[in-house]
Amino acid sequence: MKTALLIRNIYLEGFRNLGSFMVRNYFKGFMWFTMSMFSIVVYAFLFRVFTGFAFD
């Protein structure tokens, strides 16, 4: 019985901080993706402005 409780505690300790680790890395990746998409939009807009695109 003591062995089962020790295995249960090891299992719970292993997955206790996994959620925050996964969430933190998800938001880091999402931040880089968002910044790259925003920079592409800014580049495209500035390219159109400097090449004389008519915004009609």
PDB file of N, CA and C in Angstrom:
ATOM      1  N   MET A   1       0.816  -1.193   0.000  1.00  0.00           N
ATOM      2  CA  MET A   1       0.000   0.000   0.000  1.00  0.00           C
ATOM      3  C   MET A   1       0.859   1.257   0.000  1.00  0.00           C
ATOM      4  N   LYS A   2       1.966   1.203   0.742  1.00  0.00           N
ATOM      5  CA  LYS A   2       2.848   2.354   0.807  1.00  0.00           C
ATOM      6  C   LYS A   2       3.488   2.617  -0.556  1.00  0.00           C
ATOM      7  N   THR A   3       3.789   1.559  -1.284  1.00  0.00           N
ATOM      8  CA  THR A   3       4.379   1.711  -2.617  1.00  0.00           C
ATOM      9  C   THR A   3       3.396   2.382  -3.569  1.00  0.00           C
ATOM     10  N   ALA A   4       2.133   2.004  -3.501  1.00  0.00           N
ATOM     11  CA  ALA A   4       1.118   2.618  -4.361  1.00  0.00           C
ATOM     12  C   ALA A   4       0.967   4.103  -4.051  1.00  0.00           C
ATOM     13  N   LEU A   5       1.028   4.473  -2.785  1.00  0.00           N
ATOM     14  CA  LEU A   5       0.927   5.885  -2.409  1.00  0.00           C
ATOM     15  C   LEU A   5       2.150   6.670  -2.889  1.00  0.00           C
ATOM     16  N   LEU A   6       3.330   6.052  -2.820  1.00  0.00           N
ATOM     17  CA  LEU A   6       4.534   6.717  -3.308  1.00  0.00           C
ATOM     18  C   LEU A   6       4.475   6.925  -4.816  1.00  0.00           C
ATOM     19  N   ILE A   7       3.991   5.927  -5.548  1.00  0.00           N
ATOM     20  CA  ILE A   7       3.852   6.059  -7.002  1.00  0.00           C
ATOM     21  C   ILE A   7       2.831   7.140  -7.333  1.00  0.00           C
ATOM     22  N   ARG A   8       1.749   7.193  -6.581  1.00  0.00           N
ATOM     23  CA  ARG A   8       0.732   8.227  -6.785  1.00  0.00           C
ATOM     24  C   ARG A   8       1.315   9.619  -6.547  1.00  0.00           C
ATOM     25  N   ASN A   9       2.097   9.783  -5.500  1.00  0.00           N
ATOM     26  CA  ASN A   9       2.706  11.079  -5.207  1.00  0.00           C
ATOM     27  C   ASN A   9       3.714  11.481  -6.280  1.00  0.00           C
ATOM     28  N   ILE A  10       4.505  10.542  -6.760  1.00  0.00           N
ATOM     29  CA  ILE A  10       5.460  10.834  -7.834  1.00  0.00           C
ATOM     30  C   ILE A  10       4.712  11.261  -9.090  1.00  0.00           C
ATOM     31  N   TYR A  11       3.621  10.572  -9.407  1.00  0.00           N
ATOM     32  CA  TYR A  11       2.811  10.916 -10.570  1.00  0.00           C
ATOM     33  C   TYR A  11       2.226  12.324 -10.446  1.00  0.00           C
ATOM     34  N   LEU A  12       1.687  12.643  -9.275  1.00  0.00           N
ATOM     35  CA  LEU A  12       1.087  13.966  -9.065  1.00  0.00           C
ATOM     36  C   LEU A  12       2.146  15.064  -9.109  1.00  0.00           C
ATOM     37  N   GLU A  13       3.323  14.832  -8.550  1.00  0.00           N
ATOM     38  CA  GLU A  13       4.400  15.825  -8.580  1.00  0.00           C
ATOM     39  C   GLU A  13       4.891  16.047 -10.005  1.00  0.00           C
ATOM     40  N   GLY A  14       4.922  14.998 -10.793  1.00  0.00           N
ATOM     41  CA  GLY A  14       5.402  15.112 -12.172  1.00  0.00           C
ATOM     42  C   GLY A  14       4.498  15.959 -13.047  1.00  0.00           C
ATOM     43  N   PHE A  15       3.202  15.914 -12.791  1.00  0.00           N
ATOM     44  CA  PHE A  15       2.247  16.643 -13.629  1.00  0.00           C
ATOM     45  C   PHE A  15       1.728  17.923 -12.982  1.00  0.00           C
ATOM     46  N   ARG A  16       2.203  18.266 -11.796  1.00  0.00           N
ATOM     47  CA  ARG A  16       1.700  19.456 -11.111  1.00  0.00           C
ATOM     48  C   ARG A  16       2.086  20.732 -11.845  1.00  0.00           C
ATOM     49  N   ASN A  17       3.319  20.880 -12.272  1.00  0.00           N
ATOM     50  CA  ASN A  17       3.778  22.106 -12.922  1.00  0.00           C
ATOM     51  C   ASN A  17       3.743  22.018 -14.442  1.00  0.00           C
ATOM     52  N   LEU A  18       3.264  20.917 -14.964  1.00  0.00           N
ATOM     53  CA  LEU A  18       3.236  20.753 -16.416  1.00  0.00           C
ATOM     54  C   LEU A  18       2.278  21.737 -17.059  1.00  0.00           C
ATOM     55  N   GLY A  19       1.175  22.034 -16.426  1.00  0.00           N
ATOM     56  CA  GLY A  19       0.204  22.963 -16.996  1.00  0.00           C
ATOM     57  C   GLY A  19       0.775  24.348 -17.178  1.00  0.00           C
ATOM     58  N   SER A  20       1.426  24.881 -16.168  1.00  0.00           N
ATOM     59  CA  SER A  20       1.970  26.226 -16.299  1.00  0.00           C
ATOM     60  C   SER A  20       3.112  26.249 -17.312  1.00  0.00           C
ATOM     61  N   PHE A  21       3.889  25.169 -17.372  1.00  0.00           N
ATOM     62  CA  PHE A  21       4.968  25.075 -18.354  1.00  0.00           C
ATOM     63  C   PHE A  21       4.396  25.086 -19.770  1.00  0.00           C
ATOM     64  N   MET A  22       3.352  24.305 -19.995  1.00  0.00           N
ATOM     65  CA  MET A  22       2.742  24.241 -21.324  1.00  0.00           C
ATOM     66  C   MET A  22       2.075  25.563 -21.674  1.00  0.00           C
ATOM     67  N   VAL A  23       1.377  26.166 -20.737  1.00  0.00           N
ATOM     68  CA  VAL A  23       0.701  27.437 -20.995  1.00  0.00           C
ATOM     69  C   VAL A  23       1.718  28.530 -21.277  1.00  0.00           C
ATOM     70  N   ARG A  24       2.798  28.564 -20.491  1.00  0.00           N
ATOM     71  CA  ARG A  24       3.826  29.575 -20.683  1.00  0.00           C
ATOM     72  C   ARG A  24       4.464  29.442 -22.067  1.00  0.00           C
ATOM     73  N   ASN A  25       4.784  28.231 -22.486  1.00  0.00           N
ATOM     74  CA  ASN A  25       5.383  28.038 -23.802  1.00  0.00           C
ATOM     75  C   ASN A  25       4.387  28.297 -24.929  1.00  0.00           C
ATOM     76  N   TYR A  26       3.119  27.988 -24.712  1.00  0.00           N
ATOM     77  CA  TYR A  26       2.095  28.276 -25.710  1.00  0.00           C
ATOM     78  C   TYR A  26       1.998  29.779 -25.948  1.00  0.00           C
ATOM     79  N   PHE A  27       1.963  30.544 -24.869  1.00  0.00           N
ATOM     80  CA  PHE A  27       1.849  31.987 -25.020  1.00  0.00           C
ATOM     81  C   PHE A  27       3.119  32.602 -25.606  1.00  0.00           C
ATOM     82  N   LYS A  28       4.283  32.032 -25.327  1.00  0.00           N
ATOM     83  CA  LYS A  28       5.510  32.518 -25.956  1.00  0.00           C
ATOM     84  C   LYS A  28       5.459  32.284 -27.463  1.00  0.00           C
ATOM     85  N   GLY A  29       5.046  31.110 -27.865  1.00  0.00           N
ATOM     86  CA  GLY A  29       4.921  30.815 -29.290  1.00  0.00           C
ATOM     87  C   GLY A  29       3.876  31.671 -29.964  1.00  0.00           C
ATOM     88  N   PHE A  30       2.755  31.874 -29.284  1.00  0.00           N
ATOM     89  CA  PHE A  30       1.697  32.705 -29.835  1.00  0.00           C
ATOM     90  C   PHE A  30       2.160  34.155 -29.971  1.00  0.00           C
ATOM     91  N   MET A  31       2.958  34.635 -29.019  1.00  0.00           N
ATOM     92  CA  MET A  31       3.485  35.994 -29.092  1.00  0.00           C
ATOM     93  C   MET A  31       4.406  36.144 -30.299  1.00  0.00           C
ATOM     94  N   TRP A  32       5.294  35.175 -30.543  1.00  0.00           N
ATOM     95  CA  TRP A  32       6.194  35.255 -31.699  1.00  0.00           C
ATOM     96  C   TRP A  32       5.421  35.177 -33.009  1.00  0.00           C
ATOM     97  N   PHE A  33       4.407  34.330 -33.069  1.00  0.00           N
ATOM     98  CA  PHE A  33       3.585  34.229 -34.267  1.00  0.00           C
ATOM     99  C   PHE A  33       2.844  35.542 -34.527  1.00  0.00           C
ATOM    100  N   THR A  34       2.276  36.125 -33.470  1.00  0.00           N
ATOM    101  CA  THR A  34       1.546  37.383 -33.613  1.00  0.00           C
ATOM    102  C   THR A  34       2.464  38.509 -34.056  1.00  0.00           C
ATOM    103  N   MET A  35       3.647  38.597 -33.465  1.00  0.00           N
ATOM    104  CA  MET A  35       4.588  39.651 -33.835  1.00  0.00           C
ATOM    105  C   MET A  35       5.067  39.481 -35.274  1.00  0.00           C
ATOM    106  N   SER A  36       5.274  38.256 -35.714  1.00  0.00           N
ATOM    107  CA  SER A  36       5.704  38.046 -37.098  1.00  0.00           C
ATOM    108  C   SER A  36       4.592  38.410 -38.082  1.00  0.00           C
ATOM    109  N   MET A  37       3.352  38.065 -37.770  1.00  0.00           N
ATOM    110  CA  MET A  37       2.242  38.435 -38.640  1.00  0.00           C
ATOM    111  C   MET A  37       2.046  39.953 -38.671  1.00  0.00           C
ATOM    112  N   PHE A  38       2.184  40.601 -37.528  1.00  0.00           N
ATOM    113  CA  PHE A  38       2.055  42.056 -37.465  1.00  0.00           C
ATOM    114  C   PHE A  38       3.170  42.733 -38.257  1.00  0.00           C
ATOM    115  N   SER A  39       4.388  42.221 -38.172  1.00  0.00           N
ATOM    116  CA  SER A  39       5.492  42.823 -38.934  1.00  0.00           C
ATOM    117  C   SER A  39       5.292  42.642 -40.438  1.00  0.00           C
ATOM    118  N   ILE A  40       4.711  41.534 -40.860  1.00  0.00           N
ATOM    119  CA  ILE A  40       4.420  41.338 -42.282  1.00  0.00           C
ATOM    120  C   ILE A  40       3.376  42.348 -42.745  1.00  0.00           C
ATOM    121  N   VAL A  41       2.362  42.597 -41.938  1.00  0.00           N
ATOM    122  CA  VAL A  41       1.325  43.567 -42.291  1.00  0.00           C
ATOM    123  C   VAL A  41       1.909  44.976 -42.370  1.00  0.00           C
ATOM    124  N   VAL A  42       2.745  45.348 -41.417  1.00  0.00           N
ATOM    125  CA  VAL A  42       3.367  46.677 -41.427  1.00  0.00           C
ATOM    126  C   VAL A  42       4.273  46.824 -42.642  1.00  0.00           C
ATOM    127  N   TYR A  43       5.043  45.779 -42.946  1.00  0.00           N
ATOM    128  CA  TYR A  43       5.916  45.815 -44.122  1.00  0.00           C
ATOM    129  C   TYR A  43       5.090  45.990 -45.397  1.00  0.00           C
ATOM    130  N   ALA A  44       4.006  45.236 -45.546  1.00  0.00           N
ATOM    131  CA  ALA A  44       3.178  45.333 -46.748  1.00  0.00           C
ATOM    132  C   ALA A  44       2.552  46.718 -46.872  1.00  0.00           C
ATOM    133  N   PHE A  45       2.096  47.278 -45.757  1.00  0.00           N
ATOM    134  CA  PHE A  45       1.504  48.612 -45.784  1.00  0.00           C
ATOM    135  C   PHE A  45       2.542  49.667 -46.172  1.00  0.00           C
ATOM    136  N   LEU A  46       3.704  49.612 -45.546  1.00  0.00           N
ATOM    137  CA  LEU A  46       4.746  50.596 -45.863  1.00  0.00           C
ATOM    138  C   LEU A  46       5.247  50.443 -47.300  1.00  0.00           C
ATOM    139  N   PHE A  47       5.315  49.226 -47.793  1.00  0.00           N
ATOM    140  CA  PHE A  47       5.716  48.994 -49.175  1.00  0.00           C
ATOM    141  C   PHE A  47       4.726  49.663 -50.128  1.00  0.00           C
ATOM    142  N   ARG A  48       3.436  49.509 -49.836  1.00  0.00           N
ATOM    143  CA  ARG A  48       2.408  50.130 -50.684  1.00  0.00           C
ATOM    144  C   ARG A  48       2.448  51.655 -50.593  1.00  0.00           C
ATOM    145  N   VAL A  49       2.708  52.182 -49.409  1.00  0.00           N
ATOM    146  CA  VAL A  49       2.760  53.636 -49.233  1.00  0.00           C
ATOM    147  C   VAL A  49       3.938  54.211 -50.005  1.00  0.00           C
ATOM    148  N   PHE A  50       5.113  53.607 -49.899  1.00  0.00           N
ATOM    149  CA  PHE A  50       6.313  54.150 -50.520  1.00  0.00           C
ATOM    150  C   PHE A  50       6.391  53.902 -52.021  1.00  0.00           C
ATOM    151  N   THR A  51       5.633  52.947 -52.557  1.00  0.00           N
ATOM    152  CA  THR A  51       5.627  52.715 -54.001  1.00  0.00           C
ATOM    153  C   THR A  51       4.507  53.452 -54.708  1.00  0.00           C
ATOM    154  N   GLY A  52       3.738  54.252 -53.979  1.00  0.00           N
ATOM    155  CA  GLY A  52       2.731  55.082 -54.594  1.00  0.00           C
ATOM    156  C   GLY A  52       1.426  54.382 -54.917  1.00  0.00           C
ATOM    157  N   PHE A  53       1.048  53.411 -54.109  1.00  0.00           N
ATOM    158  CA  PHE A  53      -0.214  52.692 -54.326  1.00  0.00           C
ATOM    159  C   PHE A  53      -1.372  53.645 -54.025  1.00  0.00           C
ATOM    160  N   ALA A  54      -2.362  53.675 -54.907  1.00  0.00           N
ATOM    161  CA  ALA A  54      -3.521  54.541 -54.713  1.00  0.00           C
ATOM    162  C   ALA A  54      -4.539  53.836 -53.843  1.00  0.00           C
ATOM    163  N   PHE A  55      -4.760  54.343 -52.652  1.00  0.00           N
ATOM    164  CA  PHE A  55      -5.740  53.764 -51.724  1.00  0.00           C
ATOM    165  C   PHE A  55      -7.107  54.380 -51.989  1.00  0.00           C
ATOM    166  N   ASP A  56      -7.767  53.906 -53.021  1.00  0.00           N
ATOM    167  CA  ASP A  56      -9.091  54.451 -53.377  1.00  0.00           C
ATOM    168  C   ASP A  56     -10.181  53.479 -53.045  1.00  0.00           C
TER     169      ASP A  56
END
